[in-house]
Amino acid sequence: MSHDLLKTVLSVQVDIVDGGHLSLDIAANEIAARAHEFINMPKESIPGEEIMGTATTPARPPFPPFTRDSAMQKVRLAEDGWNTRDPAKVALAYTIDSHWRNRSEFINGRNEIIAFLSRKWAKEIDYRLIKEMWAFTGNRIAVRFAYEWHDDSGHWYRSYGNENWEFNDDGLMASRYASINDLPILETDRKYHWGLGRRPDNHAGLSDLGL
């Protein structure tokens, strides 16, 4: 029961009749009426993004220090997350105070991450991403990636990038530094053709595609 609804119920004035016994019918009807009134009150709008931006996030395995296998798993999980194109969900993989440099933009904290990703995926239409681990040590992973997308005029691009990640003990990313270059391509030059969302397990990776 919500805190406000509980306060509403407790505020009900219960009639006492017949020598001190509760009139259950009166009490039940009054509580039901107050509860119905509360439920139908206009609710103040609270964007889900703001809630996600300050939510406590459960630990995200695999945890550092990384092995080759766990680092590769971490990279694939990050790729899968970004391919959802859901800013609020993606942001939960990062610490509340995570620090980024993305191209020339500096981003601090989950709320800024959510705002940045919302702008990104409004611009980068039909976004598909592949990541590949480059190196790892301790709580850090280096990654290279490429993603394809088009703008609202139908012009296609393949964006190539490198990024460096640092994680806390709970497996949340505390720092991300990404350098990215955009290459205009023809639609016929696209290499990513899976349905939007997670890259299928049998789809080639960057090295296999010659990227």
N, C-alpha and C. Protein backbone atom coordinates (compact mmCIF):
# COMPACT_ATOMS: atom_id res chain seq x y z
N MET A 1 0.85 -1.20 0.00
CA MET A 1 0.00 0.00 0.00
C MET A 1 0.88 1.24 0.00
N SER A 2 0.50 2.24 -0.84
CA SER A 2 1.33 3.44 -0.87
C SER A 2 1.22 4.19 0.44
N HIS A 3 2.25 4.98 0.74
CA HIS A 3 2.29 5.73 1.99
C HIS A 3 1.12 6.71 2.06
N ASP A 4 0.83 7.38 0.92
CA ASP A 4 -0.25 8.37 0.93
C ASP A 4 -1.61 7.70 1.11
N LEU A 5 -1.77 6.51 0.48
CA LEU A 5 -3.04 5.81 0.64
C LEU A 5 -3.21 5.35 2.07
N LEU A 6 -2.12 4.88 2.69
CA LEU A 6 -2.19 4.46 4.08
C LEU A 6 -2.62 5.62 4.97
N LYS A 7 -2.05 6.80 4.73
CA LYS A 7 -2.45 7.96 5.52
C LYS A 7 -3.93 8.27 5.32
N THR A 8 -4.42 8.08 4.09
CA THR A 8 -5.83 8.35 3.81
C THR A 8 -6.72 7.41 4.60
N VAL A 9 -6.35 6.11 4.59
CA VAL A 9 -7.15 5.12 5.31
C VAL A 9 -7.14 5.40 6.79
N LEU A 10 -5.96 5.73 7.34
CA LEU A 10 -5.87 5.97 8.77
C LEU A 10 -6.60 7.23 9.21
N SER A 11 -6.89 8.10 8.25
CA SER A 11 -7.57 9.35 8.60
C SER A 11 -9.09 9.18 8.67
N VAL A 12 -9.55 7.99 8.27
CA VAL A 12 -11.00 7.76 8.27
C VAL A 12 -11.54 7.83 9.69
N GLN A 13 -12.63 8.54 9.87
CA GLN A 13 -13.29 8.65 11.18
C GLN A 13 -14.28 7.50 11.30
N VAL A 14 -13.92 6.49 12.11
CA VAL A 14 -14.77 5.31 12.25
C VAL A 14 -15.83 5.58 13.32
N ASP A 15 -17.08 5.36 12.95
CA ASP A 15 -18.16 5.56 13.91
C ASP A 15 -18.18 4.44 14.94
N ILE A 16 -18.42 4.76 16.17
CA ILE A 16 -18.54 3.77 17.23
C ILE A 16 -19.97 3.80 17.73
N VAL A 17 -20.63 2.65 17.62
CA VAL A 17 -22.04 2.57 17.98
C VAL A 17 -22.24 1.33 18.84
N ASP A 18 -23.48 1.18 19.30
CA ASP A 18 -23.88 0.00 20.07
C ASP A 18 -22.93 -0.29 21.23
N GLY A 19 -22.70 0.69 22.06
CA GLY A 19 -21.92 0.46 23.26
C GLY A 19 -20.45 0.26 23.02
N GLY A 20 -19.90 0.89 21.97
CA GLY A 20 -18.46 0.83 21.77
C GLY A 20 -18.02 -0.12 20.68
N HIS A 21 -18.93 -0.84 20.05
CA HIS A 21 -18.54 -1.74 18.96
C HIS A 21 -18.44 -0.96 17.65
N LEU A 22 -17.47 -1.37 16.78
CA LEU A 22 -17.30 -0.70 15.49
C LEU A 22 -18.45 -1.05 14.56
N SER A 23 -18.92 -0.06 13.86
CA SER A 23 -19.87 -0.32 12.79
C SER A 23 -19.07 -0.68 11.55
N LEU A 24 -18.91 -1.98 11.30
CA LEU A 24 -18.01 -2.43 10.23
C LEU A 24 -18.49 -1.99 8.86
N ASP A 25 -19.80 -1.97 8.66
CA ASP A 25 -20.32 -1.55 7.36
C ASP A 25 -19.95 -0.11 7.08
N ILE A 26 -20.14 0.74 8.11
CA ILE A 26 -19.82 2.15 7.94
C ILE A 26 -18.33 2.33 7.69
N ALA A 27 -17.51 1.65 8.50
CA ALA A 27 -16.05 1.78 8.35
C ALA A 27 -15.60 1.31 6.98
N ALA A 28 -16.08 0.16 6.54
CA ALA A 28 -15.66 -0.39 5.24
C ALA A 28 -16.07 0.53 4.10
N ASN A 29 -17.31 1.03 4.18
CA ASN A 29 -17.77 1.91 3.11
C ASN A 29 -16.96 3.20 3.06
N GLU A 30 -16.64 3.73 4.27
CA GLU A 30 -15.88 4.98 4.33
C GLU A 30 -14.47 4.78 3.78
N ILE A 31 -13.83 3.68 4.19
CA ILE A 31 -12.48 3.40 3.70
C ILE A 31 -12.49 3.22 2.19
N ALA A 32 -13.45 2.46 1.67
CA ALA A 32 -13.53 2.23 0.23
C ALA A 32 -13.71 3.55 -0.53
N ALA A 33 -14.57 4.43 0.03
CA ALA A 33 -14.82 5.71 -0.63
C ALA A 33 -13.56 6.56 -0.65
N ARG A 34 -12.85 6.61 0.51
CA ARG A 34 -11.63 7.41 0.57
C ARG A 34 -10.55 6.84 -0.36
N ALA A 35 -10.43 5.50 -0.38
CA ALA A 35 -9.44 4.87 -1.25
C ALA A 35 -9.75 5.15 -2.71
N HIS A 36 -11.03 5.04 -3.08
CA HIS A 36 -11.43 5.32 -4.46
C HIS A 36 -11.13 6.76 -4.84
N GLU A 37 -11.38 7.67 -3.90
CA GLU A 37 -11.10 9.09 -4.13
C GLU A 37 -9.61 9.32 -4.35
N PHE A 38 -8.80 8.62 -3.53
CA PHE A 38 -7.35 8.78 -3.66
C PHE A 38 -6.86 8.25 -5.00
N ILE A 39 -7.33 7.05 -5.37
CA ILE A 39 -6.86 6.42 -6.61
C ILE A 39 -7.19 7.27 -7.82
N ASN A 40 -8.32 7.97 -7.78
CA ASN A 40 -8.75 8.77 -8.93
C ASN A 40 -8.24 10.20 -8.92
N MET A 41 -7.43 10.53 -7.91
CA MET A 41 -6.84 11.87 -7.89
C MET A 41 -5.82 11.99 -9.01
N PRO A 42 -5.69 13.17 -9.65
CA PRO A 42 -4.65 13.36 -10.66
C PRO A 42 -3.28 13.14 -10.02
N LYS A 43 -2.45 12.34 -10.67
CA LYS A 43 -1.13 12.06 -10.15
C LYS A 43 -0.11 13.02 -10.75
N GLU A 44 0.84 13.42 -9.94
CA GLU A 44 1.91 14.27 -10.41
C GLU A 44 2.83 13.44 -11.31
N SER A 45 3.12 13.93 -12.48
CA SER A 45 3.94 13.19 -13.44
C SER A 45 5.40 13.19 -13.01
N ILE A 46 5.96 11.98 -12.92
CA ILE A 46 7.38 11.84 -12.58
C ILE A 46 8.03 11.04 -13.69
N PRO A 47 8.84 11.66 -14.55
CA PRO A 47 9.43 10.93 -15.66
C PRO A 47 10.23 9.72 -15.17
N GLY A 48 10.06 8.57 -15.87
CA GLY A 48 10.79 7.37 -15.50
C GLY A 48 12.28 7.56 -15.58
N GLU A 49 12.72 8.44 -16.50
CA GLU A 49 14.14 8.67 -16.65
C GLU A 49 14.75 9.25 -15.38
N GLU A 50 14.01 10.12 -14.69
CA GLU A 50 14.54 10.71 -13.47
C GLU A 50 14.66 9.65 -12.38
N ILE A 51 13.68 8.73 -12.33
CA ILE A 51 13.74 7.67 -11.34
C ILE A 51 14.95 6.79 -11.63
N MET A 52 15.15 6.41 -12.90
CA MET A 52 16.28 5.57 -13.26
C MET A 52 17.60 6.27 -12.95
N GLY A 53 17.61 7.58 -13.10
CA GLY A 53 18.83 8.34 -12.91
C GLY A 53 19.34 8.32 -11.48
N THR A 54 18.45 8.05 -10.53
CA THR A 54 18.86 8.05 -9.13
C THR A 54 18.62 6.71 -8.45
N ALA A 55 18.15 5.73 -9.21
CA ALA A 55 17.83 4.43 -8.63
C ALA A 55 19.10 3.70 -8.19
N THR A 56 18.96 2.96 -7.09
CA THR A 56 20.05 2.09 -6.66
C THR A 56 20.06 0.87 -7.56
N THR A 57 21.21 0.59 -8.14
CA THR A 57 21.31 -0.47 -9.12
C THR A 57 21.94 -1.72 -8.51
N PRO A 58 21.34 -2.89 -8.73
CA PRO A 58 21.97 -4.12 -8.26
C PRO A 58 23.32 -4.31 -8.94
N ALA A 59 24.17 -5.12 -8.31
CA ALA A 59 25.48 -5.42 -8.89
C ALA A 59 25.29 -6.06 -10.27
N ARG A 60 26.26 -5.80 -11.15
CA ARG A 60 26.19 -6.30 -12.53
C ARG A 60 27.37 -7.23 -12.82
N PRO A 61 27.18 -8.53 -12.66
CA PRO A 61 28.26 -9.43 -13.03
C PRO A 61 28.44 -9.45 -14.56
N PRO A 62 29.62 -9.87 -15.02
CA PRO A 62 30.78 -10.33 -14.25
C PRO A 62 31.52 -9.16 -13.59
N PHE A 63 32.24 -9.48 -12.50
CA PHE A 63 32.91 -8.47 -11.70
C PHE A 63 34.42 -8.47 -11.94
N PRO A 64 35.04 -7.31 -11.73
CA PRO A 64 36.51 -7.30 -11.77
C PRO A 64 37.08 -7.96 -10.51
N PRO A 65 38.32 -8.43 -10.60
CA PRO A 65 39.23 -8.36 -11.75
C PRO A 65 38.80 -9.33 -12.86
N PHE A 66 38.94 -8.89 -14.12
CA PHE A 66 38.41 -9.65 -15.24
C PHE A 66 39.41 -10.70 -15.73
N THR A 67 38.85 -11.79 -16.22
CA THR A 67 39.59 -12.75 -17.02
C THR A 67 39.28 -12.46 -18.48
N ARG A 68 39.94 -13.16 -19.39
CA ARG A 68 39.63 -12.96 -20.80
C ARG A 68 38.16 -13.27 -21.08
N ASP A 69 37.69 -14.38 -20.53
CA ASP A 69 36.30 -14.78 -20.80
C ASP A 69 35.31 -13.80 -20.18
N SER A 70 35.55 -13.37 -18.94
CA SER A 70 34.59 -12.46 -18.30
C SER A 70 34.63 -11.07 -18.94
N ALA A 71 35.80 -10.65 -19.42
CA ALA A 71 35.88 -9.36 -20.12
C ALA A 71 35.11 -9.42 -21.43
N MET A 72 35.22 -10.53 -22.15
CA MET A 72 34.48 -10.68 -23.40
C MET A 72 32.98 -10.72 -23.13
N GLN A 73 32.59 -11.36 -22.04
CA GLN A 73 31.18 -11.38 -21.67
C GLN A 73 30.68 -9.98 -21.34
N LYS A 74 31.50 -9.21 -20.63
CA LYS A 74 31.12 -7.84 -20.27
C LYS A 74 30.92 -6.99 -21.52
N VAL A 75 31.77 -7.18 -22.50
CA VAL A 75 31.66 -6.42 -23.74
C VAL A 75 30.37 -6.78 -24.47
N ARG A 76 30.07 -8.07 -24.53
CA ARG A 76 28.85 -8.48 -25.23
C ARG A 76 27.60 -7.98 -24.51
N LEU A 77 27.60 -8.00 -23.19
CA LEU A 77 26.46 -7.48 -22.44
C LEU A 77 26.26 -5.98 -22.70
N ALA A 78 27.37 -5.25 -22.79
CA ALA A 78 27.26 -3.81 -23.09
C ALA A 78 26.70 -3.60 -24.49
N GLU A 79 27.17 -4.38 -25.45
CA GLU A 79 26.64 -4.28 -26.81
C GLU A 79 25.14 -4.56 -26.83
N ASP A 80 24.74 -5.63 -26.15
CA ASP A 80 23.32 -5.97 -26.12
C ASP A 80 22.49 -4.85 -25.51
N GLY A 81 23.01 -4.24 -24.44
CA GLY A 81 22.29 -3.15 -23.81
C GLY A 81 22.09 -1.98 -24.75
N TRP A 82 23.16 -1.56 -25.41
CA TRP A 82 23.07 -0.41 -26.30
C TRP A 82 22.18 -0.70 -27.51
N ASN A 83 22.12 -1.93 -27.94
CA ASN A 83 21.26 -2.26 -29.08
C ASN A 83 19.78 -2.23 -28.73
N THR A 84 19.44 -2.14 -27.44
CA THR A 84 18.03 -1.93 -27.08
C THR A 84 17.60 -0.50 -27.40
N ARG A 85 18.56 0.42 -27.41
CA ARG A 85 18.30 1.86 -27.63
C ARG A 85 17.31 2.40 -26.58
N ASP A 86 17.41 1.89 -25.38
CA ASP A 86 16.56 2.34 -24.27
C ASP A 86 17.44 3.09 -23.28
N PRO A 87 17.42 4.43 -23.32
CA PRO A 87 18.36 5.21 -22.49
C PRO A 87 18.30 4.90 -21.01
N ALA A 88 17.10 4.77 -20.45
CA ALA A 88 16.97 4.56 -19.01
C ALA A 88 17.53 3.20 -18.60
N LYS A 89 17.26 2.17 -19.38
CA LYS A 89 17.78 0.85 -19.06
C LYS A 89 19.29 0.78 -19.24
N VAL A 90 19.79 1.37 -20.32
CA VAL A 90 21.24 1.37 -20.56
C VAL A 90 21.96 2.07 -19.40
N ALA A 91 21.41 3.16 -18.93
CA ALA A 91 22.07 3.96 -17.88
C ALA A 91 22.26 3.17 -16.59
N LEU A 92 21.45 2.14 -16.36
CA LEU A 92 21.56 1.36 -15.13
C LEU A 92 22.83 0.51 -15.08
N ALA A 93 23.54 0.38 -16.18
CA ALA A 93 24.81 -0.34 -16.18
C ALA A 93 25.96 0.53 -15.69
N TYR A 94 25.67 1.81 -15.41
CA TYR A 94 26.70 2.76 -15.00
C TYR A 94 26.44 3.23 -13.57
N THR A 95 27.51 3.64 -12.89
CA THR A 95 27.34 4.18 -11.55
C THR A 95 26.54 5.47 -11.61
N ILE A 96 25.91 5.83 -10.49
CA ILE A 96 25.10 7.05 -10.46
C ILE A 96 25.94 8.27 -10.83
N ASP A 97 27.23 8.27 -10.45
CA ASP A 97 28.10 9.41 -10.72
C ASP A 97 29.12 9.10 -11.83
N SER A 98 28.75 8.20 -12.74
CA SER A 98 29.67 7.80 -13.82
C SER A 98 30.12 9.01 -14.64
N HIS A 99 31.40 9.00 -15.03
CA HIS A 99 31.97 10.09 -15.83
C HIS A 99 32.29 9.59 -17.23
N TRP A 100 31.85 10.36 -18.23
CA TRP A 100 32.10 10.01 -19.63
C TRP A 100 32.78 11.16 -20.37
N ARG A 101 33.56 10.78 -21.37
CA ARG A 101 33.85 11.67 -22.49
C ARG A 101 33.42 10.91 -23.73
N ASN A 102 32.46 11.46 -24.46
CA ASN A 102 31.97 10.86 -25.69
C ASN A 102 32.22 11.85 -26.82
N ARG A 103 33.17 11.52 -27.70
CA ARG A 103 33.66 12.48 -28.70
C ARG A 103 34.19 13.70 -27.93
N SER A 104 33.59 14.86 -28.16
CA SER A 104 34.05 16.07 -27.46
C SER A 104 33.10 16.49 -26.35
N GLU A 105 32.15 15.63 -26.01
CA GLU A 105 31.14 15.96 -25.00
C GLU A 105 31.48 15.28 -23.68
N PHE A 106 31.40 16.03 -22.59
CA PHE A 106 31.67 15.51 -21.25
C PHE A 106 30.35 15.32 -20.51
N ILE A 107 30.16 14.14 -19.95
CA ILE A 107 28.88 13.73 -19.38
C ILE A 107 29.13 13.22 -17.97
N ASN A 108 28.32 13.68 -17.02
CA ASN A 108 28.52 13.32 -15.62
C ASN A 108 27.21 12.86 -14.99
N GLY A 109 27.16 11.63 -14.55
CA GLY A 109 26.00 11.12 -13.83
C GLY A 109 24.95 10.52 -14.73
N ARG A 110 24.10 9.68 -14.12
CA ARG A 110 23.12 8.94 -14.91
C ARG A 110 22.09 9.83 -15.60
N ASN A 111 21.66 10.89 -14.96
CA ASN A 111 20.66 11.75 -15.61
C ASN A 111 21.21 12.36 -16.89
N GLU A 112 22.47 12.77 -16.87
CA GLU A 112 23.09 13.30 -18.09
C GLU A 112 23.30 12.19 -19.12
N ILE A 113 23.60 10.99 -18.66
CA ILE A 113 23.74 9.86 -19.58
C ILE A 113 22.43 9.59 -20.30
N ILE A 114 21.33 9.59 -19.54
CA ILE A 114 20.01 9.35 -20.14
C ILE A 114 19.67 10.44 -21.15
N ALA A 115 19.94 11.68 -20.80
CA ALA A 115 19.66 12.80 -21.73
C ALA A 115 20.51 12.67 -23.00
N PHE A 116 21.79 12.33 -22.82
CA PHE A 116 22.68 12.18 -23.97
C PHE A 116 22.20 11.05 -24.89
N LEU A 117 21.90 9.88 -24.32
CA LEU A 117 21.48 8.74 -25.14
C LEU A 117 20.14 9.02 -25.83
N SER A 118 19.26 9.75 -25.17
CA SER A 118 17.99 10.11 -25.80
C SER A 118 18.21 10.95 -27.04
N ARG A 119 19.11 11.93 -26.94
CA ARG A 119 19.45 12.74 -28.11
C ARG A 119 20.12 11.91 -29.19
N LYS A 120 21.02 11.05 -28.77
CA LYS A 120 21.79 10.22 -29.71
C LYS A 120 20.86 9.38 -30.57
N TRP A 121 19.95 8.64 -29.91
CA TRP A 121 19.13 7.71 -30.67
C TRP A 121 17.95 8.38 -31.35
N ALA A 122 17.67 9.63 -31.04
CA ALA A 122 16.71 10.39 -31.84
C ALA A 122 17.35 10.79 -33.16
N LYS A 123 18.65 10.98 -33.16
CA LYS A 123 19.39 11.37 -34.37
C LYS A 123 19.84 10.16 -35.17
N GLU A 124 20.35 9.13 -34.47
CA GLU A 124 20.94 7.96 -35.14
C GLU A 124 19.86 6.89 -35.30
N ILE A 125 19.19 6.92 -36.44
CA ILE A 125 18.02 6.08 -36.69
C ILE A 125 18.47 4.69 -37.17
N ASP A 126 17.72 3.66 -36.79
CA ASP A 126 18.01 2.26 -37.15
C ASP A 126 19.43 1.87 -36.74
N TYR A 127 19.79 2.29 -35.56
CA TYR A 127 21.12 2.07 -34.98
C TYR A 127 21.36 0.59 -34.71
N ARG A 128 22.50 0.08 -35.18
CA ARG A 128 22.95 -1.28 -34.89
C ARG A 128 24.44 -1.23 -34.56
N LEU A 129 24.82 -1.93 -33.50
CA LEU A 129 26.17 -1.81 -32.94
C LEU A 129 26.83 -3.18 -32.79
N ILE A 130 28.14 -3.22 -33.07
CA ILE A 130 28.95 -4.38 -32.73
C ILE A 130 30.18 -3.89 -31.96
N LYS A 131 30.46 -4.52 -30.81
CA LYS A 131 31.64 -4.22 -30.01
C LYS A 131 32.58 -5.42 -30.02
N GLU A 132 33.85 -5.14 -29.80
CA GLU A 132 34.85 -6.21 -29.71
C GLU A 132 35.90 -5.83 -28.67
N MET A 133 36.21 -6.77 -27.79
CA MET A 133 37.23 -6.49 -26.79
C MET A 133 38.59 -6.33 -27.45
N TRP A 134 39.35 -5.35 -26.99
CA TRP A 134 40.72 -5.12 -27.50
C TRP A 134 41.76 -5.56 -26.46
N ALA A 135 41.53 -5.18 -25.20
CA ALA A 135 42.46 -5.55 -24.13
C ALA A 135 41.74 -5.42 -22.80
N PHE A 136 42.32 -6.02 -21.74
CA PHE A 136 41.74 -5.92 -20.41
C PHE A 136 42.84 -6.07 -19.36
N THR A 137 42.58 -5.52 -18.20
CA THR A 137 43.45 -5.72 -17.04
C THR A 137 42.70 -5.26 -15.79
N GLY A 138 42.76 -6.05 -14.73
CA GLY A 138 42.12 -5.63 -13.49
C GLY A 138 40.67 -5.26 -13.66
N ASN A 139 40.36 -3.98 -13.40
CA ASN A 139 38.98 -3.49 -13.52
C ASN A 139 38.77 -2.63 -14.76
N ARG A 140 39.65 -2.78 -15.76
CA ARG A 140 39.55 -1.98 -16.99
C ARG A 140 39.45 -2.86 -18.23
N ILE A 141 38.69 -2.35 -19.21
CA ILE A 141 38.55 -3.04 -20.49
C ILE A 141 38.65 -1.99 -21.60
N ALA A 142 39.42 -2.32 -22.64
CA ALA A 142 39.50 -1.48 -23.84
C ALA A 142 38.70 -2.16 -24.95
N VAL A 143 37.94 -1.38 -25.68
CA VAL A 143 36.99 -1.92 -26.66
C VAL A 143 37.10 -1.13 -27.97
N ARG A 144 36.92 -1.82 -29.07
CA ARG A 144 36.71 -1.13 -30.34
C ARG A 144 35.31 -1.50 -30.82
N PHE A 145 34.71 -0.62 -31.60
CA PHE A 145 33.32 -0.85 -32.01
C PHE A 145 33.04 -0.16 -33.32
N ALA A 146 31.94 -0.56 -33.93
CA ALA A 146 31.43 0.12 -35.13
C ALA A 146 29.92 -0.02 -35.13
N TYR A 147 29.23 1.05 -35.48
CA TYR A 147 27.78 0.97 -35.58
C TYR A 147 27.31 1.67 -36.84
N GLU A 148 26.20 1.18 -37.37
CA GLU A 148 25.61 1.76 -38.58
C GLU A 148 24.29 2.42 -38.24
N TRP A 149 24.00 3.51 -38.95
CA TRP A 149 22.79 4.27 -38.67
C TRP A 149 22.53 5.20 -39.86
N HIS A 150 21.34 5.79 -39.88
CA HIS A 150 21.07 6.83 -40.88
C HIS A 150 20.39 8.02 -40.22
N ASP A 151 20.52 9.17 -40.85
CA ASP A 151 19.88 10.38 -40.32
C ASP A 151 18.47 10.49 -40.87
N ASP A 152 17.78 11.58 -40.52
CA ASP A 152 16.38 11.72 -40.95
C ASP A 152 16.23 12.07 -42.41
N SER A 153 17.38 12.25 -43.11
CA SER A 153 17.35 12.46 -44.56
C SER A 153 17.67 11.19 -45.33
N GLY A 154 17.90 10.09 -44.59
CA GLY A 154 18.18 8.82 -45.23
C GLY A 154 19.63 8.59 -45.58
N HIS A 155 20.54 9.44 -45.11
CA HIS A 155 21.96 9.27 -45.35
C HIS A 155 22.54 8.29 -44.34
N TRP A 156 23.25 7.29 -44.84
CA TRP A 156 23.80 6.23 -43.98
C TRP A 156 25.23 6.51 -43.58
N TYR A 157 25.58 6.02 -42.39
CA TYR A 157 26.94 6.19 -41.84
C TYR A 157 27.34 4.90 -41.13
N ARG A 158 28.66 4.69 -41.12
CA ARG A 158 29.24 3.70 -40.20
C ARG A 158 30.20 4.45 -39.30
N SER A 159 29.94 4.39 -38.02
CA SER A 159 30.75 5.13 -37.04
C SER A 159 31.71 4.16 -36.35
N TYR A 160 33.00 4.49 -36.44
CA TYR A 160 34.04 3.65 -35.85
C TYR A 160 34.53 4.30 -34.56
N GLY A 161 34.78 3.48 -33.53
CA GLY A 161 35.22 4.07 -32.28
C GLY A 161 36.06 3.15 -31.43
N ASN A 162 36.75 3.76 -30.49
CA ASN A 162 37.49 3.06 -29.44
C ASN A 162 37.04 3.65 -28.11
N GLU A 163 36.95 2.79 -27.12
CA GLU A 163 36.55 3.29 -25.80
C GLU A 163 37.29 2.55 -24.70
N ASN A 164 37.50 3.25 -23.61
CA ASN A 164 38.15 2.70 -22.43
C ASN A 164 37.16 2.73 -21.28
N TRP A 165 37.04 1.59 -20.60
CA TRP A 165 36.07 1.45 -19.51
C TRP A 165 36.80 1.16 -18.19
N GLU A 166 36.23 1.70 -17.10
CA GLU A 166 36.69 1.36 -15.76
C GLU A 166 35.48 1.05 -14.89
N PHE A 167 35.54 -0.05 -14.13
CA PHE A 167 34.40 -0.54 -13.37
C PHE A 167 34.66 -0.47 -11.86
N ASN A 168 33.57 -0.35 -11.10
CA ASN A 168 33.70 -0.46 -9.65
C ASN A 168 33.57 -1.93 -9.26
N ASP A 169 33.65 -2.22 -7.97
CA ASP A 169 33.63 -3.61 -7.50
C ASP A 169 32.31 -4.31 -7.77
N ASP A 170 31.23 -3.54 -7.97
CA ASP A 170 29.92 -4.12 -8.25
C ASP A 170 29.68 -4.38 -9.73
N GLY A 171 30.71 -4.14 -10.54
CA GLY A 171 30.56 -4.39 -11.97
C GLY A 171 29.87 -3.28 -12.73
N LEU A 172 29.66 -2.13 -12.08
CA LEU A 172 29.07 -0.96 -12.76
C LEU A 172 30.19 -0.11 -13.34
N MET A 173 29.93 0.45 -14.51
CA MET A 173 30.96 1.23 -15.17
C MET A 173 31.02 2.64 -14.56
N ALA A 174 32.19 2.99 -14.04
CA ALA A 174 32.38 4.28 -13.38
C ALA A 174 32.94 5.33 -14.33
N SER A 175 33.69 4.88 -15.35
CA SER A 175 34.30 5.82 -16.31
C SER A 175 34.22 5.23 -17.71
N ARG A 176 33.97 6.10 -18.69
CA ARG A 176 33.92 5.69 -20.09
C ARG A 176 34.49 6.83 -20.93
N TYR A 177 35.48 6.50 -21.75
CA TYR A 177 36.10 7.49 -22.63
C TYR A 177 36.06 6.96 -24.05
N ALA A 178 35.32 7.66 -24.93
CA ALA A 178 35.08 7.16 -26.28
C ALA A 178 35.49 8.19 -27.34
N SER A 179 36.24 7.72 -28.33
CA SER A 179 36.61 8.53 -29.49
C SER A 179 35.98 7.88 -30.72
N ILE A 180 35.28 8.68 -31.53
CA ILE A 180 34.44 8.13 -32.60
C ILE A 180 34.59 8.98 -33.86
N ASN A 181 34.62 8.29 -35.01
CA ASN A 181 34.65 8.95 -36.32
C ASN A 181 33.52 8.39 -37.18
N ASP A 182 32.85 9.26 -37.92
CA ASP A 182 31.72 8.87 -38.76
C ASP A 182 32.14 8.79 -40.22
N LEU A 183 31.86 7.65 -40.86
CA LEU A 183 32.16 7.45 -42.27
C LEU A 183 30.86 7.38 -43.06
N PRO A 184 30.61 8.31 -43.98
CA PRO A 184 29.42 8.19 -44.83
C PRO A 184 29.52 6.93 -45.71
N ILE A 185 28.44 6.18 -45.80
CA ILE A 185 28.41 4.99 -46.64
C ILE A 185 27.13 5.00 -47.46
N LEU A 186 27.12 4.21 -48.53
CA LEU A 186 25.91 3.98 -49.29
C LEU A 186 25.07 2.93 -48.57
N GLU A 187 23.77 2.99 -48.76
CA GLU A 187 22.93 1.98 -48.13
C GLU A 187 23.33 0.58 -48.59
N THR A 188 23.78 0.47 -49.83
CA THR A 188 24.20 -0.84 -50.36
C THR A 188 25.50 -1.33 -49.72
N ASP A 189 26.22 -0.45 -49.02
CA ASP A 189 27.47 -0.83 -48.36
C ASP A 189 27.26 -1.29 -46.92
N ARG A 190 26.02 -1.28 -46.46
CA ARG A 190 25.75 -1.70 -45.10
C ARG A 190 26.16 -3.16 -44.89
N LYS A 191 26.63 -3.46 -43.67
CA LYS A 191 27.01 -4.82 -43.31
C LYS A 191 26.15 -5.40 -42.20
N TYR A 192 25.35 -4.54 -41.55
CA TYR A 192 24.50 -4.98 -40.44
C TYR A 192 23.06 -5.02 -40.92
N HIS A 193 22.48 -6.21 -40.94
CA HIS A 193 21.12 -6.33 -41.49
C HIS A 193 20.17 -7.08 -40.57
N TRP A 194 20.59 -7.38 -39.34
CA TRP A 194 19.68 -8.10 -38.45
C TRP A 194 18.53 -7.18 -38.02
N GLY A 195 17.45 -7.78 -37.57
CA GLY A 195 16.33 -6.98 -37.06
C GLY A 195 16.78 -6.16 -35.87
N LEU A 196 16.21 -4.99 -35.69
CA LEU A 196 16.63 -4.10 -34.62
C LEU A 196 16.56 -4.80 -33.27
N GLY A 197 17.57 -4.55 -32.46
CA GLY A 197 17.67 -5.20 -31.17
C GLY A 197 18.99 -5.96 -31.07
N ARG A 198 19.00 -7.00 -30.28
CA ARG A 198 20.22 -7.76 -30.01
C ARG A 198 20.78 -8.41 -31.28
N ARG A 199 22.08 -8.34 -31.45
CA ARG A 199 22.74 -9.02 -32.58
C ARG A 199 22.63 -10.53 -32.37
N PRO A 200 22.18 -11.26 -33.37
CA PRO A 200 22.07 -12.72 -33.21
C PRO A 200 23.43 -13.35 -32.91
N ASP A 201 23.41 -14.45 -32.18
CA ASP A 201 24.64 -15.13 -31.81
C ASP A 201 25.45 -15.60 -33.01
N ASN A 202 24.74 -15.93 -34.10
CA ASN A 202 25.44 -16.44 -35.28
C ASN A 202 25.84 -15.35 -36.26
N HIS A 203 25.66 -14.07 -35.87
CA HIS A 203 26.04 -12.97 -36.75
C HIS A 203 27.54 -12.69 -36.59
N ALA A 204 28.21 -12.40 -37.69
CA ALA A 204 29.65 -12.14 -37.66
C ALA A 204 29.99 -10.94 -36.78
N GLY A 205 31.18 -10.98 -36.16
CA GLY A 205 31.68 -9.86 -35.39
C GLY A 205 32.52 -8.92 -36.24
N LEU A 206 33.13 -7.95 -35.61
CA LEU A 206 33.91 -6.94 -36.35
C LEU A 206 35.04 -7.55 -37.16
N SER A 207 35.84 -8.40 -36.52
CA SER A 207 36.98 -8.98 -37.22
C SER A 207 36.53 -9.84 -38.39
N ASP A 208 35.48 -10.62 -38.18
CA ASP A 208 34.97 -11.48 -39.25
C ASP A 208 34.45 -10.66 -40.43
N LEU A 209 33.95 -9.47 -40.15
CA LEU A 209 33.42 -8.59 -41.21
C LEU A 209 34.51 -7.73 -41.87
N GLY A 210 35.74 -7.86 -41.37
CA GLY A 210 36.83 -7.06 -41.92
C GLY A 210 36.78 -5.62 -41.48
N LEU A 211 36.14 -5.37 -40.35
CA LEU A 211 36.02 -4.02 -39.83
C LEU A 211 37.01 -3.81 -38.66
